[in-house]
């Protein structure tokens, strides 16, 4: 009887461990995508400031980002979500 109960618990643990591993992989990929997204937003913001491209500025504003260049000639302007 104990062998059967033990087998059922082992199978349950394997299933839960697979679930946890899948969730951890999703979290890790989300962090990587977040970094890529931030780099893309920063590149767009820099391009908009350097080239005076109002369309990109509007696109970023619609997405909730504001461009705040400290010194457009020497620094990359930080792009941050609006309201933060």
PDB file of N, CA and C in Angstrom:
ATOM      1  N   UNK A   1       0.829  -1.204   0.000  1.00  0.00           N
ATOM      2  CA  UNK A   1       0.000   0.000   0.000  1.00  0.00           C
ATOM      3  C   UNK A   1       0.870   1.263   0.000  1.00  0.00           C
ATOM      4  N   UNK A   2       1.940   1.275   0.815  1.00  0.00           N
ATOM      5  CA  UNK A   2       2.824   2.440   0.874  1.00  0.00           C
ATOM      6  C   UNK A   2       3.544   2.667  -0.450  1.00  0.00           C
ATOM      7  N   UNK A   3       3.878   1.600  -1.139  1.00  0.00           N
ATOM      8  CA  UNK A   3       4.549   1.727  -2.441  1.00  0.00           C
ATOM      9  C   UNK A   3       3.633   2.423  -3.438  1.00  0.00           C
ATOM     10  N   UNK A   4       2.378   2.098  -3.426  1.00  0.00           N
ATOM     11  CA  UNK A   4       1.412   2.721  -4.340  1.00  0.00           C
ATOM     12  C   UNK A   4       1.251   4.207  -4.005  1.00  0.00           C
ATOM     13  N   UNK A   5       1.126   4.517  -2.722  1.00  0.00           N
ATOM     14  CA  UNK A   5       0.994   5.916  -2.305  1.00  0.00           C
ATOM     15  C   UNK A   5       2.252   6.693  -2.676  1.00  0.00           C
ATOM     16  N   UNK A   6       3.414   6.083  -2.448  1.00  0.00           N
ATOM     17  CA  UNK A   6       4.676   6.731  -2.792  1.00  0.00           C
ATOM     18  C   UNK A   6       4.757   6.993  -4.294  1.00  0.00           C
ATOM     19  N   UNK A   7       4.356   6.051  -5.105  1.00  0.00           N
ATOM     20  CA  UNK A   7       4.379   6.214  -6.567  1.00  0.00           C
ATOM     21  C   UNK A   7       3.477   7.363  -7.009  1.00  0.00           C
ATOM     22  N   UNK A   8       2.314   7.441  -6.407  1.00  0.00           N
ATOM     23  CA  UNK A   8       1.378   8.523  -6.749  1.00  0.00           C
ATOM     24  C   UNK A   8       1.978   9.871  -6.368  1.00  0.00           C
ATOM     25  N   UNK A   9       2.601   9.962  -5.201  1.00  0.00           N
ATOM     26  CA  UNK A   9       3.225  11.215  -4.772  1.00  0.00           C
ATOM     27  C   UNK A   9       4.396  11.604  -5.670  1.00  0.00           C
ATOM     28  N   UNK A  10       5.178  10.642  -6.091  1.00  0.00           N
ATOM     29  CA  UNK A  10       6.311  10.912  -6.988  1.00  0.00           C
ATOM     30  C   UNK A  10       5.797  11.460  -8.316  1.00  0.00           C
ATOM     31  N   UNK A  11       4.778  10.844  -8.857  1.00  0.00           N
ATOM     32  CA  UNK A  11       4.214  11.319 -10.130  1.00  0.00           C
ATOM     33  C   UNK A  11       3.652  12.735  -9.985  1.00  0.00           C
ATOM     34  N   UNK A  12       3.004  12.995  -8.864  1.00  0.00           N
ATOM     35  CA  UNK A  12       2.477  14.335  -8.607  1.00  0.00           C
ATOM     36  C   UNK A  12       3.586  15.356  -8.501  1.00  0.00           C
ATOM     37  N   UNK A  13       4.679  14.993  -7.839  1.00  0.00           N
ATOM     38  CA  UNK A  13       5.819  15.906  -7.705  1.00  0.00           C
ATOM     39  C   UNK A  13       6.475  16.190  -9.046  1.00  0.00           C
ATOM     40  N   UNK A  14       6.603  15.180  -9.882  1.00  0.00           N
ATOM     41  CA  UNK A  14       7.195  15.368 -11.217  1.00  0.00           C
ATOM     42  C   UNK A  14       6.342  16.332 -12.031  1.00  0.00           C
ATOM     43  N   UNK A  15       5.046  16.167 -11.949  1.00  0.00           N
ATOM     44  CA  UNK A  15       4.127  17.047 -12.677  1.00  0.00           C
ATOM     45  C   UNK A  15       4.252  18.490 -12.184  1.00  0.00           C
ATOM     46  N   UNK A  16       4.296  18.661 -10.884  1.00  0.00           N
ATOM     47  CA  UNK A  16       4.420  20.015 -10.317  1.00  0.00           C
ATOM     48  C   UNK A  16       5.772  20.640 -10.649  1.00  0.00           C
ATOM     49  N   UNK A  17       6.826  19.834 -10.634  1.00  0.00           N
ATOM     50  CA  UNK A  17       8.161  20.337 -10.962  1.00  0.00           C
ATOM     51  C   UNK A  17       8.212  20.792 -12.419  1.00  0.00           C
ATOM     52  N   UNK A  18       7.580  20.058 -13.306  1.00  0.00           N
ATOM     53  CA  UNK A  18       7.505  20.462 -14.716  1.00  0.00           C
ATOM     54  C   UNK A  18       6.775  21.791 -14.847  1.00  0.00           C
ATOM     55  N   UNK A  19       5.698  21.940 -14.107  1.00  0.00           N
ATOM     56  CA  UNK A  19       4.932  23.198 -14.098  1.00  0.00           C
ATOM     57  C   UNK A  19       5.797  24.366 -13.620  1.00  0.00           C
ATOM     58  N   UNK A  20       6.517  24.161 -12.536  1.00  0.00           N
ATOM     59  CA  UNK A  20       7.372  25.210 -11.981  1.00  0.00           C
ATOM     60  C   UNK A  20       8.468  25.581 -12.970  1.00  0.00           C
ATOM     61  N   UNK A  21       9.064  24.592 -13.609  1.00  0.00           N
ATOM     62  CA  UNK A  21      10.122  24.858 -14.588  1.00  0.00           C
ATOM     63  C   UNK A  21       9.607  25.669 -15.772  1.00  0.00           C
ATOM     64  N   UNK A  22       8.417  25.363 -16.243  1.00  0.00           N
ATOM     65  CA  UNK A  22       7.825  26.114 -17.350  1.00  0.00           C
ATOM     66  C   UNK A  22       7.555  27.565 -16.937  1.00  0.00           C
ATOM     67  N   UNK A  23       7.057  27.765 -15.746  1.00  0.00           N
ATOM     68  CA  UNK A  23       6.789  29.123 -15.261  1.00  0.00           C
ATOM     69  C   UNK A  23       8.086  29.908 -15.100  1.00  0.00           C
ATOM     70  N   UNK A  24       9.133  29.257 -14.595  1.00  0.00           N
ATOM     71  CA  UNK A  24      10.421  29.930 -14.431  1.00  0.00           C
ATOM     72  C   UNK A  24      11.002  30.323 -15.794  1.00  0.00           C
ATOM     73  N   UNK A  25      10.860  29.460 -16.768  1.00  0.00           N
ATOM     74  CA  UNK A  25      11.333  29.776 -18.119  1.00  0.00           C
ATOM     75  C   UNK A  25      10.579  30.984 -18.675  1.00  0.00           C
ATOM     76  N   UNK A  26       9.280  31.043 -18.453  1.00  0.00           N
ATOM     77  CA  UNK A  26       8.482  32.179 -18.909  1.00  0.00           C
ATOM     78  C   UNK A  26       8.956  33.475 -18.242  1.00  0.00           C
ATOM     79  N   UNK A  27       9.216  33.419 -16.951  1.00  0.00           N
ATOM     80  CA  UNK A  27       9.689  34.599 -16.223  1.00  0.00           C
ATOM     81  C   UNK A  27      11.040  35.051 -16.771  1.00  0.00           C
ATOM     82  N   UNK A  28      11.946  34.110 -16.989  1.00  0.00           N
ATOM     83  CA  UNK A  28      13.265  34.453 -17.520  1.00  0.00           C
ATOM     84  C   UNK A  28      13.167  35.086 -18.900  1.00  0.00           C
ATOM     85  N   UNK A  29      12.310  34.548 -19.751  1.00  0.00           N
ATOM     86  CA  UNK A  29      12.146  35.110 -21.089  1.00  0.00           C
ATOM     87  C   UNK A  29      11.506  36.493 -21.019  1.00  0.00           C
ATOM     88  N   UNK A  30      10.604  36.698 -20.083  1.00  0.00           N
ATOM     89  CA  UNK A  30       9.963  38.003 -19.928  1.00  0.00           C
ATOM     90  C   UNK A  30      10.975  39.068 -19.544  1.00  0.00           C
ATOM     91  N   UNK A  31      11.906  38.717 -18.677  1.00  0.00           N
ATOM     92  CA  UNK A  31      12.950  39.664 -18.272  1.00  0.00           C
ATOM     93  C   UNK A  31      13.818  40.026 -19.466  1.00  0.00           C
ATOM     94  N   UNK A  32      14.188  39.038 -20.265  1.00  0.00           N
ATOM     95  CA  UNK A  32      15.002  39.296 -21.451  1.00  0.00           C
ATOM     96  C   UNK A  32      14.259  40.198 -22.433  1.00  0.00           C
ATOM     97  N   UNK A  33      12.987  39.919 -22.660  1.00  0.00           N
ATOM     98  CA  UNK A  33      12.201  40.734 -23.583  1.00  0.00           C
ATOM     99  C   UNK A  33      12.030  42.150 -23.060  1.00  0.00           C
ATOM    100  N   UNK A  34      11.933  42.301 -21.763  1.00  0.00           N
ATOM    101  CA  UNK A  34      11.814  43.624 -21.165  1.00  0.00           C
ATOM    102  C   UNK A  34      13.060  44.457 -21.452  1.00  0.00           C
ATOM    103  N   UNK A  35      14.220  43.830 -21.330  1.00  0.00           N
ATOM    104  CA  UNK A  35      15.475  44.537 -21.625  1.00  0.00           C
ATOM    105  C   UNK A  35      15.551  44.938 -23.085  1.00  0.00           C
ATOM    106  N   UNK A  36      15.146  44.053 -23.965  1.00  0.00           N
ATOM    107  CA  UNK A  36      15.155  44.354 -25.397  1.00  0.00           C
ATOM    108  C   UNK A  36      14.181  45.487 -25.700  1.00  0.00           C
ATOM    109  N   UNK A  37      13.013  45.439 -25.087  1.00  0.00           N
ATOM    110  CA  UNK A  37      12.011  46.486 -25.309  1.00  0.00           C
ATOM    111  C   UNK A  37      12.523  47.843 -24.837  1.00  0.00           C
ATOM    112  N   UNK A  38      13.186  47.880 -23.693  1.00  0.00           N
ATOM    113  CA  UNK A  38      13.723  49.132 -23.175  1.00  0.00           C
ATOM    114  C   UNK A  38      14.800  49.680 -24.107  1.00  0.00           C
ATOM    115  N   UNK A  39      15.655  48.800 -24.627  1.00  0.00           N
ATOM    116  CA  UNK A  39      16.693  49.239 -25.563  1.00  0.00           C
ATOM    117  C   UNK A  39      16.067  49.800 -26.840  1.00  0.00           C
ATOM    118  N   UNK A  40      15.005  49.173 -27.304  1.00  0.00           N
ATOM    119  CA  UNK A  40      14.312  49.647 -28.507  1.00  0.00           C
ATOM    120  C   UNK A  40      13.682  51.016 -28.274  1.00  0.00           C
ATOM    121  N   UNK A  41      13.039  51.197 -27.139  1.00  0.00           N
ATOM    122  CA  UNK A  41      12.415  52.484 -26.816  1.00  0.00           C
ATOM    123  C   UNK A  41      13.484  53.575 -26.710  1.00  0.00           C
ATOM    124  N   UNK A  42      14.610  53.253 -26.065  1.00  0.00           N
ATOM    125  CA  UNK A  42      15.689  54.234 -25.951  1.00  0.00           C
ATOM    126  C   UNK A  42      16.250  54.605 -27.318  1.00  0.00           C
ATOM    127  N   UNK A  43      16.421  53.619 -28.201  1.00  0.00           N
ATOM    128  CA  UNK A  43      16.927  53.899 -29.548  1.00  0.00           C
ATOM    129  C   UNK A  43      15.938  54.769 -30.327  1.00  0.00           C
ATOM    130  N   UNK A  44      14.653  54.479 -30.194  1.00  0.00           N
ATOM    131  CA  UNK A  44      13.636  55.296 -30.867  1.00  0.00           C
ATOM    132  C   UNK A  44      13.643  56.724 -30.328  1.00  0.00           C
ATOM    133  N   UNK A  45      13.755  56.860 -29.018  1.00  0.00           N
ATOM    134  CA  UNK A  45      13.771  58.188 -28.405  1.00  0.00           C
ATOM    135  C   UNK A  45      14.992  58.973 -28.868  1.00  0.00           C
ATOM    136  N   UNK A  46      16.135  58.327 -28.908  1.00  0.00           N
ATOM    137  CA  UNK A  46      17.356  58.988 -29.351  1.00  0.00           C
ATOM    138  C   UNK A  46      17.222  59.419 -30.808  1.00  0.00           C
ATOM    139  N   UNK A  47      16.700  58.554 -31.633  1.00  0.00           N
ATOM    140  CA  UNK A  47      16.509  58.880 -33.046  1.00  0.00           C
ATOM    141  C   UNK A  47      15.530  60.036 -33.216  1.00  0.00           C
ATOM    142  N   UNK A  48      14.464  60.027 -32.442  1.00  0.00           N
ATOM    143  CA  UNK A  48      13.465  61.100 -32.539  1.00  0.00           C
ATOM    144  C   UNK A  48      14.068  62.443 -32.171  1.00  0.00           C
ATOM    145  N   UNK A  49      14.894  62.467 -31.138  1.00  0.00           N
ATOM    146  CA  UNK A  49      15.507  63.728 -30.699  1.00  0.00           C
ATOM    147  C   UNK A  49      16.557  64.185 -31.703  1.00  0.00           C
ATOM    148  N   UNK A  50      17.425  63.271 -32.134  1.00  0.00           N
ATOM    149  CA  UNK A  50      18.508  63.632 -33.041  1.00  0.00           C
ATOM    150  C   UNK A  50      17.997  64.100 -34.404  1.00  0.00           C
ATOM    151  N   UNK A  51      16.919  63.476 -34.884  1.00  0.00           N
ATOM    152  CA  UNK A  51      16.405  63.789 -36.217  1.00  0.00           C
ATOM    153  C   UNK A  51      15.173  64.695 -36.181  1.00  0.00           C
ATOM    154  N   UNK A  52      14.722  65.038 -35.005  1.00  0.00           N
ATOM    155  CA  UNK A  52      13.533  65.883 -34.885  1.00  0.00           C
ATOM    156  C   UNK A  52      12.300  65.220 -35.465  1.00  0.00           C
ATOM    157  N   UNK A  53      12.205  63.919 -35.302  1.00  0.00           N
ATOM    158  CA  UNK A  53      11.106  63.150 -35.894  1.00  0.00           C
ATOM    159  C   UNK A  53       9.892  63.173 -34.969  1.00  0.00           C
ATOM    160  N   UNK A  54       8.926  63.988 -35.323  1.00  0.00           N
ATOM    161  CA  UNK A  54       7.721  64.129 -34.495  1.00  0.00           C
ATOM    162  C   UNK A  54       6.830  62.899 -34.540  1.00  0.00           C
ATOM    163  N   UNK A  55       6.887  62.140 -35.656  1.00  0.00           N
ATOM    164  CA  UNK A  55       6.063  60.927 -35.741  1.00  0.00           C
ATOM    165  C   UNK A  55       6.493  59.907 -34.690  1.00  0.00           C
ATOM    166  N   UNK A  56       7.808  59.749 -34.515  1.00  0.00           N
ATOM    167  CA  UNK A  56       8.296  58.804 -33.502  1.00  0.00           C
ATOM    168  C   UNK A  56       7.949  59.314 -32.106  1.00  0.00           C
ATOM    169  N   UNK A  57       8.091  60.627 -31.902  1.00  0.00           N
ATOM    170  CA  UNK A  57       7.732  61.193 -30.598  1.00  0.00           C
ATOM    171  C   UNK A  57       6.266  60.933 -30.285  1.00  0.00           C
ATOM    172  N   UNK A  58       5.401  61.102 -31.279  1.00  0.00           N
ATOM    173  CA  UNK A  58       3.972  60.855 -31.085  1.00  0.00           C
ATOM    174  C   UNK A  58       3.701  59.380 -30.807  1.00  0.00           C
ATOM    175  N   UNK A  59       4.399  58.503 -31.535  1.00  0.00           N
ATOM    176  CA  UNK A  59       4.238  57.062 -31.321  1.00  0.00           C
ATOM    177  C   UNK A  59       4.619  56.690 -29.900  1.00  0.00           C
ATOM    178  N   UNK A  60       5.742  57.215 -29.426  1.00  0.00           N
ATOM    179  CA  UNK A  60       6.165  56.933 -28.055  1.00  0.00           C
ATOM    180  C   UNK A  60       5.174  57.515 -27.045  1.00  0.00           C
ATOM    181  N   UNK A  61       4.677  58.711 -27.317  1.00  0.00           N
ATOM    182  CA  UNK A  61       3.705  59.334 -26.406  1.00  0.00           C
ATOM    183  C   UNK A  61       2.414  58.514 -26.342  1.00  0.00           C
ATOM    184  N   UNK A  62       1.972  58.003 -27.481  1.00  0.00           N
ATOM    185  CA  UNK A  62       0.765  57.168 -27.501  1.00  0.00           C
ATOM    186  C   UNK A  62       0.955  55.878 -26.716  1.00  0.00           C
ATOM    187  N   UNK A  63       2.200  55.420 -26.659  1.00  0.00           N
ATOM    188  CA  UNK A  63       2.510  54.197 -25.930  1.00  0.00           C
ATOM    189  C   UNK A  63       2.805  54.453 -24.458  1.00  0.00           C
ATOM    190  N   UNK A  64       2.740  55.728 -24.044  1.00  0.00           N
ATOM    191  CA  UNK A  64       2.925  56.063 -22.644  1.00  0.00           C
ATOM    192  C   UNK A  64       4.338  56.443 -22.256  1.00  0.00           C
ATOM    193  N   UNK A  65       5.183  56.785 -23.228  1.00  0.00           N
ATOM    194  CA  UNK A  65       6.557  57.167 -22.941  1.00  0.00           C
ATOM    195  C   UNK A  65       6.755  58.655 -23.199  1.00  0.00           C
ATOM    196  N   UNK A  66       7.538  59.278 -22.345  1.00  0.00           N
ATOM    197  CA  UNK A  66       7.883  60.685 -22.554  1.00  0.00           C
ATOM    198  C   UNK A  66       9.384  60.782 -22.790  1.00  0.00           C
ATOM    199  N   UNK A  67       9.764  61.720 -23.630  1.00  0.00           N
ATOM    200  CA  UNK A  67      11.175  61.929 -23.945  1.00  0.00           C
ATOM    201  C   UNK A  67      11.630  63.156 -23.182  1.00  0.00           C
ATOM    202  N   UNK A  68      12.696  62.975 -22.411  1.00  0.00           N
ATOM    203  CA  UNK A  68      13.227  64.067 -21.609  1.00  0.00           C
ATOM    204  C   UNK A  68      14.732  64.200 -21.858  1.00  0.00           C
ATOM    205  N   UNK A  69      15.122  64.811 -22.968  1.00  0.00           N
ATOM    206  CA  UNK A  69      16.556  64.935 -23.237  1.00  0.00           C
ATOM    207  C   UNK A  69      17.198  65.966 -22.314  1.00  0.00           C
ATOM    208  N   UNK A  70      18.277  65.579 -21.655  1.00  0.00           N
ATOM    209  CA  UNK A  70      19.003  66.510 -20.798  1.00  0.00           C
ATOM    210  C   UNK A  70      19.845  67.440 -21.666  1.00  0.00           C
ATOM    211  N   UNK A  71      20.545  66.859 -22.622  1.00  0.00           N
ATOM    212  CA  UNK A  71      21.374  67.608 -23.554  1.00  0.00           C
ATOM    213  C   UNK A  71      21.439  66.790 -24.836  1.00  0.00           C
ATOM    214  N   UNK A  72      20.608  67.075 -25.826  1.00  0.00           N
ATOM    215  CA  UNK A  72      20.488  66.223 -27.012  1.00  0.00           C
ATOM    216  C   UNK A  72      21.798  66.014 -27.775  1.00  0.00           C
ATOM    217  N   UNK A  73      22.760  66.937 -27.674  1.00  0.00           N
ATOM    218  CA  UNK A  73      23.993  66.781 -28.435  1.00  0.00           C
ATOM    219  C   UNK A  73      24.965  65.798 -27.783  1.00  0.00           C
ATOM    220  N   UNK A  74      24.898  65.611 -26.468  1.00  0.00           N
ATOM    221  CA  UNK A  74      25.912  64.798 -25.815  1.00  0.00           C
ATOM    222  C   UNK A  74      25.376  63.562 -25.125  1.00  0.00           C
ATOM    223  N   UNK A  75      24.098  63.500 -24.812  1.00  0.00           N
ATOM    224  CA  UNK A  75      23.575  62.368 -24.062  1.00  0.00           C
ATOM    225  C   UNK A  75      22.423  61.712 -24.797  1.00  0.00           C
ATOM    226  N   UNK A  76      22.263  60.426 -24.514  1.00  0.00           N
ATOM    227  CA  UNK A  76      21.102  59.707 -25.020  1.00  0.00           C
ATOM    228  C   UNK A  76      19.916  60.065 -24.140  1.00  0.00           C
ATOM    229  N   UNK A  77      18.812  60.504 -24.725  1.00  0.00           N
ATOM    230  CA  UNK A  77      17.673  60.889 -23.900  1.00  0.00           C
ATOM    231  C   UNK A  77      17.025  59.666 -23.267  1.00  0.00           C
ATOM    232  N   UNK A  78      16.738  59.748 -21.992  1.00  0.00           N
ATOM    233  CA  UNK A  78      16.050  58.625 -21.363  1.00  0.00           C
ATOM    234  C   UNK A  78      14.582  58.610 -21.747  1.00  0.00           C
ATOM    235  N   UNK A  79      14.081  57.466 -22.052  1.00  0.00           N
ATOM    236  CA  UNK A  79      12.657  57.337 -22.328  1.00  0.00           C
ATOM    237  C   UNK A  79      12.063  56.566 -21.163  1.00  0.00           C
ATOM    238  N   UNK A  80      11.024  57.080 -20.584  1.00  0.00           N
ATOM    239  CA  UNK A  80      10.418  56.414 -19.439  1.00  0.00           C
ATOM    240  C   UNK A  80       8.911  56.429 -19.598  1.00  0.00           C
ATOM    241  N   UNK A  81       8.249  55.438 -18.989  1.00  0.00           N
ATOM    242  CA  UNK A  81       6.794  55.437 -19.047  1.00  0.00           C
ATOM    243  C   UNK A  81       6.232  56.682 -18.419  1.00  0.00           C
ATOM    244  N   UNK A  82       5.193  57.206 -19.006  1.00  0.00           N
ATOM    245  CA  UNK A  82       4.555  58.419 -18.482  1.00  0.00           C
ATOM    246  C   UNK A  82       4.003  58.141 -17.098  1.00  0.00           C
ATOM    247  N   UNK A  83       4.137  59.120 -16.233  1.00  0.00           N
ATOM    248  CA  UNK A  83       3.590  59.011 -14.900  1.00  0.00           C
ATOM    249  C   UNK A  83       4.523  58.368 -13.911  1.00  0.00           C
ATOM    250  N   UNK A  84       5.732  58.052 -14.315  1.00  0.00           N
ATOM    251  CA  UNK A  84       6.685  57.433 -13.377  1.00  0.00           C
ATOM    252  C   UNK A  84       7.909  58.275 -13.248  1.00  0.00           C
TER     253      UNK A  84
END
